[in-house]
C-alpha atoms as a PDB file:
ATOM      1  CA  UNK A   1      72.239  84.576  11.121  1.00  0.00           C
ATOM      2  CA  UNK A   2      70.140  82.338  13.237  1.00  0.00           C
ATOM      3  CA  UNK A   3      66.533  81.300  12.680  1.00  0.00           C
ATOM      4  CA  UNK A   4      65.482  82.003  16.299  1.00  0.00           C
ATOM      5  CA  UNK A   5      65.524  85.760  15.932  1.00  0.00           C
ATOM      6  CA  UNK A   6      62.353  87.693  16.900  1.00  0.00           C
ATOM      7  CA  UNK A   7      60.799  90.791  15.429  1.00  0.00           C
ATOM      8  CA  UNK A   8      63.170  93.327  13.974  1.00  0.00           C
ATOM      9  CA  UNK A   9      62.968  97.079  14.489  1.00  0.00           C
ATOM     10  CA  UNK A  10      61.882  97.576  10.910  1.00  0.00           C
ATOM     11  CA  UNK A  11      58.978  95.125  11.322  1.00  0.00           C
ATOM     12  CA  UNK A  12      57.873  96.961  14.466  1.00  0.00           C
ATOM     13  CA  UNK A  13      57.974 100.407  12.764  1.00  0.00           C
ATOM     14  CA  UNK A  14      55.947  99.206   9.765  1.00  0.00           C
ATOM     15  CA  UNK A  15      53.359  97.499  11.987  1.00  0.00           C
ATOM     16  CA  UNK A  16      52.932 100.522  14.288  1.00  0.00           C
ATOM     17  CA  UNK A  17      52.687 102.888  11.313  1.00  0.00           C
ATOM     18  CA  UNK A  18      49.872 100.848   9.761  1.00  0.00           C
ATOM     19  CA  UNK A  19      48.108 100.657  13.145  1.00  0.00           C
ATOM     20  CA  UNK A  20      48.344 104.431  13.786  1.00  0.00           C
ATOM     21  CA  UNK A  21      47.128 105.276  10.273  1.00  0.00           C
ATOM     22  CA  UNK A  22      44.138 102.949  10.754  1.00  0.00           C
ATOM     23  CA  UNK A  23      43.274 104.480  14.158  1.00  0.00           C
ATOM     24  CA  UNK A  24      43.671 108.029  12.796  1.00  0.00           C
ATOM     25  CA  UNK A  25      41.455 107.241   9.809  1.00  0.00           C
ATOM     26  CA  UNK A  26      38.806 105.781  12.111  1.00  0.00           C
ATOM     27  CA  UNK A  27      38.739 108.859  14.373  1.00  0.00           C
ATOM     28  CA  UNK A  28      38.614 111.178  11.351  1.00  0.00           C
ATOM     29  CA  UNK A  29      35.993 109.324   9.314  1.00  0.00           C
ATOM     30  CA  UNK A  30      33.487 107.839  11.805  1.00  0.00           C
ATOM     31  CA  UNK A  31      32.180 111.204  13.173  1.00  0.00           C
ATOM     32  CA  UNK A  32      31.254 112.277   9.629  1.00  0.00           C
ATOM     33  CA  UNK A  33      29.210 109.070   9.293  1.00  0.00           C
ATOM     34  CA  UNK A  34      27.214 109.968  12.413  1.00  0.00           C
ATOM     35  CA  UNK A  35      26.821 113.696  11.607  1.00  0.00           C
ATOM     36  CA  UNK A  36      23.456 113.493   9.782  1.00  0.00           C
ATOM     37  CA  UNK A  37      21.941 112.055  12.956  1.00  0.00           C
ATOM     38  CA  UNK A  38      23.317 114.720  15.295  1.00  0.00           C
ATOM     39  CA  UNK A  39      21.318 117.800  16.248  1.00  0.00           C
ATOM     40  CA  UNK A  40      23.073 120.718  14.644  1.00  0.00           C
ATOM     41  CA  UNK A  41      22.900 124.467  14.297  1.00  0.00           C
ATOM     42  CA  UNK A  42      20.746 124.221  11.187  1.00  0.00           C
ATOM     43  CA  UNK A  43      17.546 123.753  13.183  1.00  0.00           C
ATOM     44  CA  UNK A  44      17.847 127.143  14.872  1.00  0.00           C
ATOM     45  CA  UNK A  45      18.385 128.864  11.516  1.00  0.00           C
ATOM     46  CA  UNK A  46      15.187 127.303  10.169  1.00  0.00           C
ATOM     47  CA  UNK A  47      13.210 128.271  13.283  1.00  0.00           C
ATOM     48  CA  UNK A  48      14.492 131.851  13.059  1.00  0.00           C
ATOM     49  CA  UNK A  49      13.689 132.204   9.339  1.00  0.00           C
ATOM     50  CA  UNK A  50      10.214 130.711   9.567  1.00  0.00           C
ATOM     51  CA  UNK A  51       9.380 132.635  12.735  1.00  0.00           C
ATOM     52  CA  UNK A  52      10.451 135.981  11.275  1.00  0.00           C
ATOM     53  CA  UNK A  53       8.493 135.264   8.095  1.00  0.00           C
ATOM     54  CA  UNK A  54       5.369 134.336  10.073  1.00  0.00           C
ATOM     55  CA  UNK A  55       5.525 137.472  12.191  1.00  0.00           C
ATOM     56  CA  UNK A  56       6.195 139.850   9.297  1.00  0.00           C
ATOM     57  CA  UNK A  57       3.862 138.280   6.750  1.00  0.00           C
ATOM     58  CA  UNK A  58       0.846 137.173   8.750  1.00  0.00           C
ATOM     59  CA  UNK A  59       0.808 137.556  12.538  1.00  0.00           C
ATOM     60  CA  UNK A  60       1.491 141.297  12.707  1.00  0.00           C
ATOM     61  CA  UNK A  61       0.248 142.256   9.247  1.00  0.00           C
ATOM     62  CA  UNK A  62      -3.488 141.952   9.877  1.00  0.00           C
ATOM     63  CA  UNK A  63      -5.740 140.337   7.292  1.00  0.00           C
ATOM     64  CA  UNK A  64      -6.579 143.612   5.518  1.00  0.00           C
ATOM     65  CA  UNK A  65      -2.877 144.281   4.863  1.00  0.00           C
ATOM     66  CA  UNK A  66      -1.939 140.658   4.195  1.00  0.00           C
ATOM     67  CA  UNK A  67      -4.321 140.536   1.251  1.00  0.00           C
ATOM     68  CA  UNK A  68      -2.940 143.756  -0.211  1.00  0.00           C
ATOM     69  CA  UNK A  69       0.181 141.971  -1.461  1.00  0.00           C
ATOM     70  CA  UNK A  70       2.632 143.880   0.737  1.00  0.00           C
ATOM     71  CA  UNK A  71       4.338 141.425   3.033  1.00  0.00           C
ATOM     72  CA  UNK A  72       6.596 144.093   4.508  1.00  0.00           C
ATOM     73  CA  UNK A  73       3.860 146.246   6.048  1.00  0.00           C
ATOM     74  CA  UNK A  74       2.737 145.630   9.610  1.00  0.00           C
ATOM     75  CA  UNK A  75      -0.608 146.771  10.965  1.00  0.00           C
ATOM     76  CA  UNK A  76      -0.148 149.466  13.608  1.00  0.00           C
ATOM     77  CA  UNK A  77      -3.075 148.180  15.696  1.00  0.00           C
ATOM     78  CA  UNK A  78      -2.011 144.510  15.465  1.00  0.00           C
ATOM     79  CA  UNK A  79       1.619 145.308  16.278  1.00  0.00           C
ATOM     80  CA  UNK A  80       0.641 147.528  19.209  1.00  0.00           C
ATOM     81  CA  UNK A  81      -1.763 144.909  20.548  1.00  0.00           C
ATOM     82  CA  UNK A  82       0.848 142.165  20.194  1.00  0.00           C
ATOM     83  CA  UNK A  83       3.591 144.011  22.090  1.00  0.00           C
ATOM     84  CA  UNK A  84       1.140 145.605  24.571  1.00  0.00           C
ATOM     85  CA  UNK A  85      -0.028 142.093  25.541  1.00  0.00           C
ATOM     86  CA  UNK A  86      -3.642 142.725  24.597  1.00  0.00           C
ATOM     87  CA  UNK A  87      -5.805 139.614  24.673  1.00  0.00           C
ATOM     88  CA  UNK A  88      -6.117 138.016  21.201  1.00  0.00           C
ATOM     89  CA  UNK A  89      -9.281 139.138  19.420  1.00  0.00           C
ATOM     90  CA  UNK A  90      -9.627 142.347  21.470  1.00  0.00           C
ATOM     91  CA  UNK A  91      -7.065 144.472  19.617  1.00  0.00           C
ATOM     92  CA  UNK A  92      -8.250 147.651  17.891  1.00  0.00           C
ATOM     93  CA  UNK A  93      -8.433 145.632  14.689  1.00  0.00           C
ATOM     94  CA  UNK A  94     -10.129 142.315  15.215  1.00  0.00           C
ATOM     95  CA  UNK A  95      -8.514 140.852  12.086  1.00  0.00           C
ATOM     96  CA  UNK A  96      -5.105 140.399  13.712  1.00  0.00           C
ATOM     97  CA  UNK A  97      -3.657 136.980  12.935  1.00  0.00           C
ATOM     98  CA  UNK A  98      -1.710 136.395  16.175  1.00  0.00           C
ATOM     99  CA  UNK A  99      -3.080 133.966  18.745  1.00  0.00           C
ATOM    100  CA  UNK A 100      -0.650 134.713  21.575  1.00  0.00           C
ATOM    101  CA  UNK A 101       1.001 137.966  22.594  1.00  0.00           C
ATOM    102  CA  UNK A 102       4.657 138.919  22.872  1.00  0.00           C
ATOM    103  CA  UNK A 103       4.842 137.557  26.420  1.00  0.00           C
ATOM    104  CA  UNK A 104       4.183 134.059  25.006  1.00  0.00           C
ATOM    105  CA  UNK A 105       6.297 134.182  21.860  1.00  0.00           C
ATOM    106  CA  UNK A 106       6.856 130.413  21.984  1.00  0.00           C
ATOM    107  CA  UNK A 107       3.115 129.746  21.626  1.00  0.00           C
ATOM    108  CA  UNK A 108       2.718 132.264  18.797  1.00  0.00           C
ATOM    109  CA  UNK A 109       5.519 130.707  16.760  1.00  0.00           C
ATOM    110  CA  UNK A 110       4.828 127.093  17.753  1.00  0.00           C
ATOM    111  CA  UNK A 111       8.321 126.606  19.188  1.00  0.00           C
ATOM    112  CA  UNK A 112       9.035 124.429  22.233  1.00  0.00           C
ATOM    113  CA  UNK A 113      10.031 126.136  25.472  1.00  0.00           C
ATOM    114  CA  UNK A 114      13.511 124.576  25.369  1.00  0.00           C
ATOM    115  CA  UNK A 115      14.599 127.114  22.744  1.00  0.00           C
ATOM    116  CA  UNK A 116      15.275 130.713  23.614  1.00  0.00           C
ATOM    117  CA  UNK A 117      13.525 133.394  21.557  1.00  0.00           C
ATOM    118  CA  UNK A 118      14.111 137.135  21.335  1.00  0.00           C
ATOM    119  CA  UNK A 119      12.144 139.469  19.074  1.00  0.00           C
ATOM    120  CA  UNK A 120      13.041 143.126  18.522  1.00  0.00           C
ATOM    121  CA  UNK A 121      11.909 145.815  16.129  1.00  0.00           C
ATOM    122  CA  UNK A 122      14.665 148.375  15.725  1.00  0.00           C
ATOM    123  CA  UNK A 123      15.454 151.472  13.735  1.00  0.00           C
ATOM    124  CA  UNK A 124      19.080 152.614  13.405  1.00  0.00           C
ATOM    125  CA  UNK A 125      20.058 150.100  16.108  1.00  0.00           C
ATOM    126  CA  UNK A 126      17.609 151.350  18.766  1.00  0.00           C
ATOM    127  CA  UNK A 127      14.526 149.444  19.899  1.00  0.00           C
ATOM    128  CA  UNK A 128      11.493 151.401  18.729  1.00  0.00           C
ATOM    129  CA  UNK A 129       8.371 152.224  20.693  1.00  0.00           C
ATOM    130  CA  UNK A 130       4.755 152.566  19.628  1.00  0.00           C
ATOM    131  CA  UNK A 131       2.537 155.140  21.298  1.00  0.00           C
ATOM    132  CA  UNK A 132      -0.562 153.843  23.056  1.00  0.00           C
ATOM    133  CA  UNK A 133      -3.115 155.306  25.454  1.00  0.00           C
ATOM    134  CA  UNK A 134      -1.120 153.827  28.358  1.00  0.00           C
ATOM    135  CA  UNK A 135       2.202 155.272  27.186  1.00  0.00           C
ATOM    136  CA  UNK A 136       4.937 154.070  24.838  1.00  0.00           C
ATOM    137  CA  UNK A 137       5.245 150.331  24.262  1.00  0.00           C
ATOM    138  CA  UNK A 138       8.684 148.898  23.439  1.00  0.00           C
ATOM    139  CA  UNK A 139       8.663 146.533  20.477  1.00  0.00           C
ATOM    140  CA  UNK A 140      10.661 143.701  22.011  1.00  0.00           C
ATOM    141  CA  UNK A 141       9.897 140.313  23.504  1.00  0.00           C
ATOM    142  CA  UNK A 142      11.874 137.582  25.195  1.00  0.00           C
ATOM    143  CA  UNK A 143      15.111 137.571  27.157  1.00  0.00           C
ATOM    144  CA  UNK A 144      18.401 138.848  25.793  1.00  0.00           C
ATOM    145  CA  UNK A 145      20.407 136.148  24.003  1.00  0.00           C
ATOM    146  CA  UNK A 146      23.241 134.686  26.091  1.00  0.00           C
ATOM    147  CA  UNK A 147      26.765 135.505  25.014  1.00  0.00           C
ATOM    148  CA  UNK A 148      28.010 131.959  25.646  1.00  0.00           C
ATOM    149  CA  UNK A 149      25.628 130.225  23.210  1.00  0.00           C
ATOM    150  CA  UNK A 150      25.429 130.152  19.432  1.00  0.00           C
ATOM    151  CA  UNK A 151      22.506 132.327  18.312  1.00  0.00           C
ATOM    152  CA  UNK A 152      20.796 132.244  14.926  1.00  0.00           C
ATOM    153  CA  UNK A 153      18.880 135.276  13.737  1.00  0.00           C
ATOM    154  CA  UNK A 154      16.598 136.250  10.887  1.00  0.00           C
ATOM    155  CA  UNK A 155      15.590 139.790   9.953  1.00  0.00           C
ATOM    156  CA  UNK A 156      12.920 141.394   7.825  1.00  0.00           C
ATOM    157  CA  UNK A 157      12.723 145.021   6.742  1.00  0.00           C
ATOM    158  CA  UNK A 158       9.202 146.233   7.514  1.00  0.00           C
ATOM    159  CA  UNK A 159       7.088 149.365   7.682  1.00  0.00           C
ATOM    160  CA  UNK A 160       4.222 149.994  10.086  1.00  0.00           C
ATOM    161  CA  UNK A 161       0.968 151.188   8.557  1.00  0.00           C
ATOM    162  CA  UNK A 162      -0.453 153.844  10.892  1.00  0.00           C
ATOM    163  CA  UNK A 163      -3.627 155.343   9.398  1.00  0.00           C
ATOM    164  CA  UNK A 164      -3.424 158.318  11.799  1.00  0.00           C
ATOM    165  CA  UNK A 165       0.088 159.290  10.734  1.00  0.00           C
ATOM    166  CA  UNK A 166       0.346 161.710   7.799  1.00  0.00           C
ATOM    167  CA  UNK A 167       4.091 161.176   7.386  1.00  0.00           C
ATOM    168  CA  UNK A 168       5.347 158.548   4.924  1.00  0.00           C
ATOM    169  CA  UNK A 169       5.980 155.191   6.620  1.00  0.00           C
ATOM    170  CA  UNK A 170       9.429 154.636   8.095  1.00  0.00           C
ATOM    171  CA  UNK A 171      11.368 151.394   7.736  1.00  0.00           C
ATOM    172  CA  UNK A 172      12.211 149.161  10.675  1.00  0.00           C
ATOM    173  CA  UNK A 173      14.167 145.940  11.143  1.00  0.00           C
ATOM    174  CA  UNK A 174      12.227 143.041  12.676  1.00  0.00           C
ATOM    175  CA  UNK A 175      14.788 140.570  14.087  1.00  0.00           C
ATOM    176  CA  UNK A 176      14.070 137.181  15.617  1.00  0.00           C
ATOM    177  CA  UNK A 177      16.925 135.479  17.498  1.00  0.00           C
ATOM    178  CA  UNK A 178      16.836 131.782  18.360  1.00  0.00           C
ATOM    179  CA  UNK A 179      19.213 129.768  20.551  1.00  0.00           C
END
C-alpha cells in the first residue's frame, strides 16, 4: 500500500452519514425551538371561549337575570334588541349589558376586525327566530365560516327568559365561531 492514497469509500460513507444526521436533526429540532413565538390556533380557541362566555353570561343576560345566579338564561328583550340591531340603551329593557349590536359583533366582543366571527343560536340544528313587532328576527350574526380555514368554536346551552310566554323555557345552543 502506498501513502499517497486519498479518501476511501468507507471514510466518505461515515462522513456523509454524520452530515445527514446532523442536518436532519437540525430541521427536526429547530422549528420546535421557534414554536412558542409563532401565532398558533390556540388564540382563536381562547377568543371563542371568552366571547361565548361574555355573550351568555353578561351581554345578553340583562342585569336583572345576571344577578339571579343563572348564567344560562338570556333576557328575551336584550337578545331581541341585540339581534334586531336596536340602538344600545333603547331596548325594551334598559339594563342590557351589550354596547354594540349583532351587526358589529367585533366591537361587542372587543376582537380586531382581522378575525372572522359568526354567532348563531340554534335549536335541533336550525337557527331560531324571536318574534318582534316587525316580524321574526333570526338569531345569527356574522358571515358563514369559510370551509378552507381552520375554525374554532365555543358553545353554551342557554334558555331565553320570556315573561310573556307561559310555556316552560326551551333550551338553545349559542355558538360562537372564530377564524
